[in-house]
Structures are given as structure tokens and as C-alpha cells.
Amino acid sequence: MRLHRNLVFTVIDSVKSIFNEGEYADKAVEKALKRDARWGARDRKFVAETIYEMVRWKRLYNEIAGTKEHYTTENVWKNFSVWAILKGIKLPEWNQLQGVPERRIKGKFDELQKVRVFKESIPDWLDEMGVKELGEAQWTKEIHQLNEQADVILRANTLKTTKANLQKKLMDEGIE
């Protein structure tokens, strides 16, 4: 995957407004997607997914990048570089991404996978409450499942079409 400057800058600006100004993530994504009408579906998907992932995995990325709760533009770029490296995306030769220690980031990530609050990127109080309510083994299993992306379930209105007919229409449009 190749990173495009305008998309990455949109992500950085949106994440900064979420973390620094307390803007709701869905509103920030909505505003970001309105920035450029020329963006296609892939561009929009990249912007939305990246913003949501950086917000969701905030604690883990902060710990790896060493940024904690201080979100200057430089620190948001550090978090973005952590996201990109963990996704296996080759970083371009941009000024903002110079000197990113890829091996240190991967090593720190491997090290933090042993600590549940960082691995699942949850606050300490939530982890303590989960262990207290469900027990260590069950909580570990539950919180891991909560971090899995849900399957897409499509229902067919059988008053208007049949399941087979809907599947055929979706296949014709290139949707599996």
C-alpha cells in the first residue's frame, strides 16, 4: 500500500481534533470525508479506518511511540508511524517520518503483547473491573473477542426478494 500525502494529512488533522479538542470521532470522520469530493471509495475507506484505528488503539500506540497524553502534531505523526509500521506499510521519505525506528517499534509492540491492558488497549480500571467481575481467564477471552471485528450479516427482505436472487444481484455487482 502506498501512502498519499493528502490522505495522511487529513488523518493527522482529524486525530488531533479528536484528541485535543474532544471532537467526536464520527463527526471528525464525517468532516474529513467532506474535504475532497474527488476521493474514491478506497481513499475514503483508508481515511475512516485509519482514524478509527488510531483512536481505538490510542493507549497501545502512545506506549509504543512514547507520546503519552500530549498530542502535538509531532506526537500524532509518531502515533501514525506506529500504526503504519504495525500494519506493514512502508513509510515514505517525508520530513515528518524521518528517523522512525522501525525495529524499536516492532520490538516494543512484541514486548507489550504480554501485558493485557496494552495488548487490548484498555484503561486499567476497565481491566480491574473485568477481572473482578468475570475472573482472569474469562475476562482475557472476552476482551480479546471484543477487539475482533464483527462479521457482516446481511438480511434479505423475503417479501421483496429471495435469498438466492439477492446473492445473484450482489455477485453481478462484484460483491461476495
N, C-alpha and C. Protein backbone atom coordinates (compact mmCIF):
# COMPACT_ATOMS: atom_id res chain seq x y z
N MET A 1 0.84 -1.18 0.00
CA MET A 1 0.00 0.00 0.00
C MET A 1 0.89 1.24 0.00
N ARG A 2 0.50 2.21 -0.79
CA ARG A 2 1.25 3.45 -0.89
C ARG A 2 0.48 4.55 -0.17
N LEU A 3 1.18 5.29 0.67
CA LEU A 3 0.55 6.39 1.40
C LEU A 3 0.53 7.65 0.55
N HIS A 4 -0.61 8.32 0.54
CA HIS A 4 -0.75 9.57 -0.20
C HIS A 4 -0.79 10.72 0.80
N ARG A 5 -0.01 11.73 0.52
CA ARG A 5 0.19 12.85 1.44
C ARG A 5 -1.13 13.50 1.88
N ASN A 6 -2.02 13.79 0.94
CA ASN A 6 -3.26 14.48 1.31
C ASN A 6 -4.14 13.63 2.23
N LEU A 7 -4.15 12.33 2.03
CA LEU A 7 -4.94 11.45 2.89
C LEU A 7 -4.35 11.38 4.29
N VAL A 8 -3.04 11.26 4.36
CA VAL A 8 -2.37 11.17 5.66
C VAL A 8 -2.53 12.47 6.45
N PHE A 9 -2.38 13.61 5.78
CA PHE A 9 -2.57 14.89 6.47
C PHE A 9 -4.00 15.03 6.99
N THR A 10 -4.97 14.53 6.24
CA THR A 10 -6.36 14.55 6.70
C THR A 10 -6.51 13.71 7.96
N VAL A 11 -5.89 12.53 7.97
CA VAL A 11 -5.94 11.65 9.14
C VAL A 11 -5.30 12.35 10.34
N ILE A 12 -4.13 12.94 10.15
CA ILE A 12 -3.41 13.61 11.24
C ILE A 12 -4.25 14.74 11.82
N ASP A 13 -4.81 15.58 10.96
CA ASP A 13 -5.64 16.70 11.43
C ASP A 13 -6.87 16.21 12.19
N SER A 14 -7.49 15.16 11.69
CA SER A 14 -8.69 14.63 12.34
C SER A 14 -8.37 14.03 13.71
N VAL A 15 -7.29 13.27 13.78
CA VAL A 15 -6.89 12.66 15.06
C VAL A 15 -6.54 13.74 16.07
N LYS A 16 -5.85 14.79 15.63
CA LYS A 16 -5.53 15.90 16.53
C LYS A 16 -6.80 16.55 17.08
N SER A 17 -7.80 16.76 16.23
CA SER A 17 -9.03 17.40 16.71
C SER A 17 -9.79 16.48 17.66
N ILE A 18 -9.70 15.19 17.45
CA ILE A 18 -10.36 14.24 18.36
C ILE A 18 -9.68 14.25 19.72
N PHE A 19 -8.36 14.13 19.73
CA PHE A 19 -7.63 14.04 20.99
C PHE A 19 -7.50 15.37 21.71
N ASN A 20 -7.26 16.45 20.99
CA ASN A 20 -7.01 17.74 21.64
C ASN A 20 -8.27 18.55 21.91
N GLU A 21 -9.23 18.50 21.00
CA GLU A 21 -10.42 19.33 21.14
C GLU A 21 -11.64 18.55 21.58
N GLY A 22 -11.50 17.24 21.76
CA GLY A 22 -12.60 16.43 22.24
C GLY A 22 -13.70 16.22 21.21
N GLU A 23 -13.38 16.37 19.94
CA GLU A 23 -14.38 16.18 18.88
C GLU A 23 -14.73 14.69 18.82
N TYR A 24 -16.00 14.40 18.58
CA TYR A 24 -16.43 13.01 18.45
C TYR A 24 -15.81 12.41 17.19
N ALA A 25 -15.39 11.16 17.28
CA ALA A 25 -14.70 10.52 16.16
C ALA A 25 -15.58 10.45 14.92
N ASP A 26 -16.86 10.13 15.09
CA ASP A 26 -17.72 10.03 13.91
C ASP A 26 -17.88 11.37 13.21
N LYS A 27 -17.94 12.45 13.98
CA LYS A 27 -18.06 13.79 13.38
C LYS A 27 -16.75 14.18 12.69
N ALA A 28 -15.63 13.82 13.28
CA ALA A 28 -14.33 14.12 12.67
C ALA A 28 -14.17 13.35 11.36
N VAL A 29 -14.60 12.11 11.34
CA VAL A 29 -14.53 11.31 10.11
C VAL A 29 -15.44 11.90 9.05
N GLU A 30 -16.65 12.26 9.45
CA GLU A 30 -17.60 12.87 8.52
C GLU A 30 -17.02 14.14 7.89
N LYS A 31 -16.44 14.98 8.74
CA LYS A 31 -15.83 16.22 8.26
C LYS A 31 -14.63 15.93 7.34
N ALA A 32 -13.84 14.93 7.71
CA ALA A 32 -12.67 14.58 6.91
C ALA A 32 -13.07 14.08 5.52
N LEU A 33 -14.13 13.31 5.46
CA LEU A 33 -14.56 12.75 4.18
C LEU A 33 -15.16 13.81 3.25
N LYS A 34 -15.58 14.93 3.82
CA LYS A 34 -16.13 16.02 3.01
C LYS A 34 -15.05 16.93 2.44
N ARG A 35 -13.81 16.74 2.88
CA ARG A 35 -12.72 17.62 2.46
C ARG A 35 -12.47 17.61 0.96
N ASP A 36 -12.55 16.43 0.36
CA ASP A 36 -12.21 16.33 -1.06
C ASP A 36 -13.20 15.41 -1.76
N ALA A 37 -14.00 15.98 -2.63
CA ALA A 37 -15.03 15.21 -3.33
C ALA A 37 -14.43 14.25 -4.36
N ARG A 38 -13.17 14.44 -4.71
CA ARG A 38 -12.53 13.59 -5.72
C ARG A 38 -12.07 12.25 -5.17
N TRP A 39 -12.07 12.09 -3.86
CA TRP A 39 -11.62 10.83 -3.28
C TRP A 39 -12.58 9.71 -3.67
N GLY A 40 -11.99 8.56 -3.97
CA GLY A 40 -12.79 7.39 -4.29
C GLY A 40 -13.08 6.57 -3.05
N ALA A 41 -13.67 5.42 -3.26
CA ALA A 41 -14.07 4.55 -2.14
C ALA A 41 -12.85 4.09 -1.34
N ARG A 42 -11.76 3.75 -2.01
CA ARG A 42 -10.56 3.29 -1.30
C ARG A 42 -9.96 4.39 -0.43
N ASP A 43 -9.93 5.61 -0.97
CA ASP A 43 -9.39 6.73 -0.21
C ASP A 43 -10.23 6.99 1.02
N ARG A 44 -11.54 6.99 0.85
CA ARG A 44 -12.46 7.23 1.97
C ARG A 44 -12.32 6.13 3.02
N LYS A 45 -12.18 4.90 2.54
CA LYS A 45 -12.02 3.77 3.46
C LYS A 45 -10.73 3.92 4.26
N PHE A 46 -9.64 4.29 3.58
CA PHE A 46 -8.36 4.48 4.25
C PHE A 46 -8.48 5.55 5.34
N VAL A 47 -9.06 6.70 5.01
CA VAL A 47 -9.18 7.81 5.97
C VAL A 47 -10.01 7.37 7.17
N ALA A 48 -11.19 6.83 6.92
CA ALA A 48 -12.09 6.45 8.02
C ALA A 48 -11.48 5.36 8.90
N GLU A 49 -10.99 4.30 8.29
CA GLU A 49 -10.43 3.19 9.07
C GLU A 49 -9.20 3.60 9.86
N THR A 50 -8.36 4.42 9.27
CA THR A 50 -7.14 4.84 9.96
C THR A 50 -7.47 5.71 11.16
N ILE A 51 -8.40 6.64 10.99
CA ILE A 51 -8.80 7.50 12.12
C ILE A 51 -9.37 6.64 13.24
N TYR A 52 -10.31 5.76 12.91
CA TYR A 52 -10.93 4.93 13.94
C TYR A 52 -9.90 4.01 14.61
N GLU A 53 -8.98 3.45 13.85
CA GLU A 53 -7.97 2.57 14.45
C GLU A 53 -7.02 3.33 15.36
N MET A 54 -6.64 4.54 14.95
CA MET A 54 -5.74 5.33 15.80
C MET A 54 -6.43 5.73 17.10
N VAL A 55 -7.73 5.97 17.04
CA VAL A 55 -8.47 6.29 18.26
C VAL A 55 -8.63 5.03 19.11
N ARG A 56 -9.00 3.91 18.48
CA ARG A 56 -9.24 2.67 19.22
C ARG A 56 -7.97 2.16 19.91
N TRP A 57 -6.84 2.23 19.24
CA TRP A 57 -5.61 1.68 19.78
C TRP A 57 -4.71 2.76 20.37
N LYS A 58 -5.32 3.85 20.81
CA LYS A 58 -4.61 5.01 21.33
C LYS A 58 -3.62 4.65 22.43
N ARG A 59 -4.04 3.88 23.39
CA ARG A 59 -3.16 3.56 24.52
C ARG A 59 -1.94 2.76 24.07
N LEU A 60 -2.16 1.77 23.24
CA LEU A 60 -1.05 0.95 22.73
C LEU A 60 -0.08 1.80 21.92
N TYR A 61 -0.60 2.61 21.00
CA TYR A 61 0.27 3.44 20.15
C TYR A 61 1.02 4.48 20.97
N ASN A 62 0.35 5.06 21.98
CA ASN A 62 1.02 6.03 22.85
C ASN A 62 2.19 5.38 23.58
N GLU A 63 1.97 4.19 24.07
CA GLU A 63 3.02 3.50 24.82
C GLU A 63 4.20 3.15 23.92
N ILE A 64 3.92 2.70 22.72
CA ILE A 64 5.00 2.35 21.79
C ILE A 64 5.76 3.59 21.34
N ALA A 65 5.02 4.65 21.00
CA ALA A 65 5.66 5.88 20.49
C ALA A 65 6.24 6.74 21.59
N GLY A 66 5.84 6.48 22.84
CA GLY A 66 6.32 7.29 23.96
C GLY A 66 5.70 8.67 23.99
N THR A 67 4.47 8.80 23.49
CA THR A 67 3.83 10.12 23.40
C THR A 67 2.91 10.42 24.56
N LYS A 68 2.45 9.42 25.26
CA LYS A 68 1.53 9.58 26.39
C LYS A 68 0.30 10.41 25.99
N GLU A 69 -0.10 11.37 26.80
CA GLU A 69 -1.34 12.11 26.55
C GLU A 69 -1.10 13.52 26.03
N HIS A 70 0.00 13.75 25.36
CA HIS A 70 0.32 15.09 24.85
C HIS A 70 0.33 15.03 23.33
N TYR A 71 -0.68 15.62 22.68
CA TYR A 71 -0.86 15.43 21.25
C TYR A 71 -0.49 16.64 20.42
N THR A 72 0.80 16.89 20.33
CA THR A 72 1.28 17.89 19.39
C THR A 72 1.23 17.24 18.00
N THR A 73 1.42 18.04 16.99
CA THR A 73 1.43 17.48 15.63
C THR A 73 2.52 16.42 15.50
N GLU A 74 3.66 16.68 16.09
CA GLU A 74 4.78 15.73 16.03
C GLU A 74 4.40 14.40 16.69
N ASN A 75 3.72 14.47 17.83
CA ASN A 75 3.33 13.24 18.53
C ASN A 75 2.27 12.45 17.76
N VAL A 76 1.37 13.15 17.11
CA VAL A 76 0.36 12.44 16.30
C VAL A 76 1.05 11.76 15.11
N TRP A 77 2.05 12.42 14.53
CA TRP A 77 2.83 11.78 13.46
C TRP A 77 3.54 10.53 13.98
N LYS A 78 4.06 10.59 15.21
CA LYS A 78 4.72 9.41 15.79
C LYS A 78 3.72 8.26 15.92
N ASN A 79 2.51 8.58 16.41
CA ASN A 79 1.48 7.55 16.54
C ASN A 79 1.09 6.99 15.17
N PHE A 80 1.01 7.87 14.18
CA PHE A 80 0.68 7.42 12.83
C PHE A 80 1.77 6.48 12.30
N SER A 81 3.02 6.81 12.55
CA SER A 81 4.10 5.95 12.07
C SER A 81 4.06 4.59 12.76
N VAL A 82 3.67 4.56 14.04
CA VAL A 82 3.50 3.28 14.73
C VAL A 82 2.40 2.48 14.05
N TRP A 83 1.27 3.14 13.77
CA TRP A 83 0.16 2.46 13.09
C TRP A 83 0.63 1.87 11.76
N ALA A 84 1.33 2.68 10.96
CA ALA A 84 1.77 2.24 9.64
C ALA A 84 2.74 1.06 9.72
N ILE A 85 3.69 1.14 10.63
CA ILE A 85 4.68 0.06 10.76
C ILE A 85 4.01 -1.23 11.21
N LEU A 86 3.09 -1.14 12.17
CA LEU A 86 2.40 -2.34 12.65
C LEU A 86 1.49 -2.93 11.58
N LYS A 87 1.04 -2.11 10.63
CA LYS A 87 0.23 -2.60 9.51
C LYS A 87 1.09 -3.12 8.37
N GLY A 88 2.41 -2.94 8.48
CA GLY A 88 3.32 -3.41 7.44
C GLY A 88 3.40 -2.48 6.24
N ILE A 89 3.07 -1.21 6.45
CA ILE A 89 3.10 -0.23 5.37
C ILE A 89 4.47 0.43 5.34
N LYS A 90 5.07 0.49 4.17
CA LYS A 90 6.39 1.11 4.02
C LYS A 90 6.22 2.63 4.13
N LEU A 91 6.99 3.23 5.02
CA LEU A 91 6.89 4.67 5.22
C LEU A 91 7.59 5.43 4.10
N PRO A 92 6.93 6.45 3.57
CA PRO A 92 7.56 7.26 2.51
C PRO A 92 8.65 8.17 3.08
N GLU A 93 9.41 8.77 2.21
CA GLU A 93 10.52 9.65 2.60
C GLU A 93 10.01 11.07 2.84
N TRP A 94 9.13 11.25 3.79
CA TRP A 94 8.60 12.58 4.12
C TRP A 94 9.35 13.11 5.33
N ASN A 95 9.42 14.44 5.45
CA ASN A 95 10.11 15.06 6.59
C ASN A 95 9.52 14.61 7.92
N GLN A 96 8.20 14.48 7.98
CA GLN A 96 7.53 14.12 9.23
C GLN A 96 7.83 12.69 9.68
N LEU A 97 8.28 11.87 8.74
CA LEU A 97 8.51 10.45 9.05
C LEU A 97 9.99 10.07 9.02
N GLN A 98 10.86 11.06 9.10
CA GLN A 98 12.30 10.80 9.09
C GLN A 98 12.74 10.20 10.43
N GLY A 99 13.61 9.24 10.36
CA GLY A 99 14.21 8.68 11.57
C GLY A 99 13.27 7.85 12.43
N VAL A 100 12.26 7.25 11.83
CA VAL A 100 11.34 6.40 12.59
C VAL A 100 12.03 5.06 12.85
N PRO A 101 12.17 4.68 14.13
CA PRO A 101 12.89 3.45 14.47
C PRO A 101 12.00 2.21 14.33
N GLU A 102 11.94 1.65 13.13
CA GLU A 102 11.03 0.53 12.86
C GLU A 102 11.29 -0.67 13.76
N ARG A 103 12.55 -1.05 13.93
CA ARG A 103 12.85 -2.22 14.75
C ARG A 103 12.46 -2.00 16.20
N ARG A 104 12.69 -0.79 16.73
CA ARG A 104 12.33 -0.49 18.11
C ARG A 104 10.81 -0.56 18.28
N ILE A 105 10.07 -0.07 17.30
CA ILE A 105 8.61 -0.09 17.37
C ILE A 105 8.11 -1.53 17.38
N LYS A 106 8.63 -2.35 16.49
CA LYS A 106 8.21 -3.76 16.44
C LYS A 106 8.60 -4.50 17.72
N GLY A 107 9.79 -4.21 18.25
CA GLY A 107 10.24 -4.83 19.49
C GLY A 107 9.37 -4.43 20.67
N LYS A 108 9.06 -3.15 20.76
CA LYS A 108 8.21 -2.64 21.84
C LYS A 108 6.81 -3.25 21.74
N PHE A 109 6.30 -3.38 20.52
CA PHE A 109 4.99 -4.00 20.31
C PHE A 109 4.99 -5.44 20.81
N ASP A 110 6.02 -6.20 20.45
CA ASP A 110 6.12 -7.59 20.90
C ASP A 110 6.19 -7.67 22.42
N GLU A 111 6.92 -6.75 23.02
CA GLU A 111 7.07 -6.70 24.48
C GLU A 111 5.72 -6.39 25.15
N LEU A 112 4.97 -5.45 24.59
CA LEU A 112 3.70 -5.03 25.19
C LEU A 112 2.57 -6.04 24.98
N GLN A 113 2.75 -7.00 24.08
CA GLN A 113 1.73 -8.01 23.86
C GLN A 113 1.58 -8.95 25.06
N LYS A 114 2.52 -8.87 25.99
CA LYS A 114 2.46 -9.70 27.20
C LYS A 114 1.63 -9.05 28.30
N VAL A 115 1.31 -7.75 28.14
CA VAL A 115 0.55 -7.02 29.16
C VAL A 115 -0.84 -6.75 28.60
N ARG A 116 -1.87 -7.32 29.23
CA ARG A 116 -3.24 -7.27 28.70
C ARG A 116 -3.75 -5.86 28.46
N VAL A 117 -3.50 -4.91 29.38
CA VAL A 117 -4.04 -3.56 29.20
C VAL A 117 -3.47 -2.88 27.96
N PHE A 118 -2.25 -3.21 27.59
CA PHE A 118 -1.67 -2.63 26.37
C PHE A 118 -2.05 -3.46 25.14
N LYS A 119 -2.03 -4.78 25.31
CA LYS A 119 -2.38 -5.65 24.18
C LYS A 119 -3.78 -5.35 23.68
N GLU A 120 -4.72 -5.17 24.60
CA GLU A 120 -6.10 -4.89 24.22
C GLU A 120 -6.41 -3.40 24.22
N SER A 121 -5.46 -2.57 24.63
CA SER A 121 -5.57 -1.11 24.63
C SER A 121 -6.80 -0.63 25.40
N ILE A 122 -6.84 -1.02 26.68
CA ILE A 122 -7.95 -0.63 27.54
C ILE A 122 -7.41 0.06 28.79
N PRO A 123 -8.24 0.86 29.45
CA PRO A 123 -7.78 1.52 30.68
C PRO A 123 -7.64 0.51 31.83
N ASP A 124 -6.80 0.86 32.79
CA ASP A 124 -6.55 -0.03 33.93
C ASP A 124 -7.83 -0.33 34.70
N TRP A 125 -8.67 0.69 34.91
CA TRP A 125 -9.89 0.49 35.70
C TRP A 125 -10.82 -0.52 35.03
N LEU A 126 -10.88 -0.52 33.71
CA LEU A 126 -11.74 -1.47 33.00
C LEU A 126 -11.18 -2.88 33.13
N ASP A 127 -9.88 -3.01 33.06
CA ASP A 127 -9.25 -4.32 33.21
C ASP A 127 -9.49 -4.87 34.62
N GLU A 128 -9.32 -4.01 35.63
CA GLU A 128 -9.55 -4.45 37.01
C GLU A 128 -11.00 -4.88 37.22
N MET A 129 -11.92 -4.10 36.67
CA MET A 129 -13.34 -4.43 36.82
C MET A 129 -13.68 -5.73 36.09
N GLY A 130 -13.11 -5.93 34.90
CA GLY A 130 -13.37 -7.15 34.15
C GLY A 130 -12.86 -8.38 34.87
N VAL A 131 -11.66 -8.28 35.45
CA VAL A 131 -11.09 -9.41 36.20
C VAL A 131 -11.95 -9.69 37.43
N LYS A 132 -12.39 -8.63 38.11
CA LYS A 132 -13.20 -8.79 39.32
C LYS A 132 -14.56 -9.43 38.99
N GLU A 133 -15.16 -9.01 37.90
CA GLU A 133 -16.50 -9.49 37.54
C GLU A 133 -16.48 -10.89 36.91
N LEU A 134 -15.50 -11.16 36.03
CA LEU A 134 -15.52 -12.39 35.25
C LEU A 134 -14.43 -13.39 35.61
N GLY A 135 -13.41 -12.95 36.30
CA GLY A 135 -12.27 -13.82 36.57
C GLY A 135 -11.23 -13.66 35.48
N GLU A 136 -10.00 -13.97 35.80
CA GLU A 136 -8.86 -13.73 34.91
C GLU A 136 -9.01 -14.40 33.54
N ALA A 137 -9.29 -15.70 33.52
CA ALA A 137 -9.34 -16.44 32.26
C ALA A 137 -10.49 -15.98 31.37
N GLN A 138 -11.67 -15.86 31.96
CA GLN A 138 -12.85 -15.46 31.17
C GLN A 138 -12.70 -14.03 30.65
N TRP A 139 -12.17 -13.12 31.47
CA TRP A 139 -12.00 -11.73 31.05
C TRP A 139 -11.01 -11.62 29.89
N THR A 140 -9.92 -12.38 29.96
CA THR A 140 -8.94 -12.36 28.88
C THR A 140 -9.58 -12.78 27.57
N LYS A 141 -10.39 -13.84 27.63
CA LYS A 141 -11.08 -14.33 26.44
C LYS A 141 -12.11 -13.31 25.93
N GLU A 142 -12.88 -12.73 26.85
CA GLU A 142 -13.93 -11.76 26.48
C GLU A 142 -13.35 -10.51 25.84
N ILE A 143 -12.34 -9.92 26.46
CA ILE A 143 -11.80 -8.65 25.96
C ILE A 143 -11.11 -8.87 24.61
N HIS A 144 -10.52 -10.04 24.42
CA HIS A 144 -9.92 -10.33 23.12
C HIS A 144 -11.00 -10.41 22.04
N GLN A 145 -12.11 -11.06 22.35
CA GLN A 145 -13.21 -11.18 21.38
C GLN A 145 -13.85 -9.82 21.09
N LEU A 146 -13.89 -8.96 22.09
CA LEU A 146 -14.47 -7.62 21.88
C LEU A 146 -13.62 -6.79 20.92
N ASN A 147 -12.35 -7.12 20.79
CA ASN A 147 -11.47 -6.40 19.88
C ASN A 147 -11.45 -6.98 18.47
N GLU A 148 -12.16 -8.08 18.25
CA GLU A 148 -12.25 -8.66 16.92
C GLU A 148 -13.32 -7.91 16.13
N GLN A 149 -13.07 -7.69 14.83
CA GLN A 149 -14.06 -7.02 14.01
C GLN A 149 -15.23 -7.97 13.78
N ALA A 150 -16.43 -7.44 13.93
CA ALA A 150 -17.64 -8.25 13.80
C ALA A 150 -17.85 -8.67 12.35
N ASP A 151 -18.44 -9.84 12.17
CA ASP A 151 -18.79 -10.31 10.83
C ASP A 151 -19.93 -9.46 10.29
N VAL A 152 -19.95 -9.30 8.98
CA VAL A 152 -21.04 -8.58 8.34
C VAL A 152 -22.17 -9.56 8.10
N ILE A 153 -23.34 -9.21 8.57
CA ILE A 153 -24.51 -10.07 8.39
C ILE A 153 -25.52 -9.30 7.57
N LEU A 154 -25.89 -9.86 6.43
CA LEU A 154 -26.83 -9.21 5.54
C LEU A 154 -28.13 -10.00 5.57
N ARG A 155 -29.20 -9.29 5.83
CA ARG A 155 -30.51 -9.94 5.86
C ARG A 155 -31.27 -9.57 4.60
N ALA A 156 -32.05 -10.52 4.10
CA ALA A 156 -32.85 -10.28 2.90
C ALA A 156 -34.32 -10.13 3.30
N ASN A 157 -34.97 -9.14 2.73
CA ASN A 157 -36.41 -8.97 2.94
C ASN A 157 -37.11 -9.94 2.00
N THR A 158 -37.60 -11.05 2.55
CA THR A 158 -38.19 -12.11 1.72
C THR A 158 -39.52 -11.71 1.11
N LEU A 159 -40.07 -10.57 1.50
CA LEU A 159 -41.29 -10.07 0.84
C LEU A 159 -40.95 -9.44 -0.51
N LYS A 160 -39.70 -9.01 -0.67
CA LYS A 160 -39.30 -8.32 -1.91
C LYS A 160 -38.37 -9.14 -2.79
N THR A 161 -37.63 -10.07 -2.21
CA THR A 161 -36.70 -10.89 -3.00
C THR A 161 -36.41 -12.19 -2.25
N THR A 162 -35.75 -13.10 -2.93
CA THR A 162 -35.35 -14.34 -2.28
C THR A 162 -33.86 -14.26 -1.96
N LYS A 163 -33.42 -15.14 -1.11
CA LYS A 163 -32.00 -15.16 -0.73
C LYS A 163 -31.12 -15.41 -1.97
N ALA A 164 -31.52 -16.37 -2.79
CA ALA A 164 -30.75 -16.71 -3.99
C ALA A 164 -30.71 -15.54 -4.98
N ASN A 165 -31.84 -14.86 -5.14
CA ASN A 165 -31.92 -13.73 -6.06
C ASN A 165 -31.02 -12.58 -5.58
N LEU A 166 -31.04 -12.33 -4.28
CA LEU A 166 -30.19 -11.28 -3.71
C LEU A 166 -28.72 -11.62 -3.90
N GLN A 167 -28.35 -12.87 -3.66
CA GLN A 167 -26.96 -13.30 -3.85
C GLN A 167 -26.52 -13.10 -5.30
N LYS A 168 -27.42 -13.42 -6.24
CA LYS A 168 -27.10 -13.24 -7.66
C LYS A 168 -26.89 -11.77 -7.98
N LYS A 169 -27.76 -10.90 -7.47
CA LYS A 169 -27.63 -9.46 -7.72
C LYS A 169 -26.32 -8.91 -7.15
N LEU A 170 -25.97 -9.36 -5.96
CA LEU A 170 -24.72 -8.92 -5.33
C LEU A 170 -23.51 -9.42 -6.11
N MET A 171 -23.55 -10.65 -6.59
CA MET A 171 -22.45 -11.20 -7.39
C MET A 171 -22.29 -10.42 -8.69
N ASP A 172 -23.42 -10.02 -9.30
CA ASP A 172 -23.36 -9.23 -10.54
C ASP A 172 -22.68 -7.89 -10.31
N GLU A 173 -22.81 -7.36 -9.09
CA GLU A 173 -22.18 -6.07 -8.75
C GLU A 173 -20.76 -6.24 -8.21
N GLY A 174 -20.30 -7.49 -8.13
CA GLY A 174 -18.93 -7.74 -7.69
C GLY A 174 -18.77 -7.83 -6.18
N ILE A 175 -19.86 -8.09 -5.48
CA ILE A 175 -19.82 -8.21 -4.02
C ILE A 175 -20.01 -9.68 -3.66
N GLU A 176 -19.07 -10.22 -2.89
CA GLU A 176 -19.16 -11.63 -2.50
C GLU A 176 -19.97 -11.80 -1.25
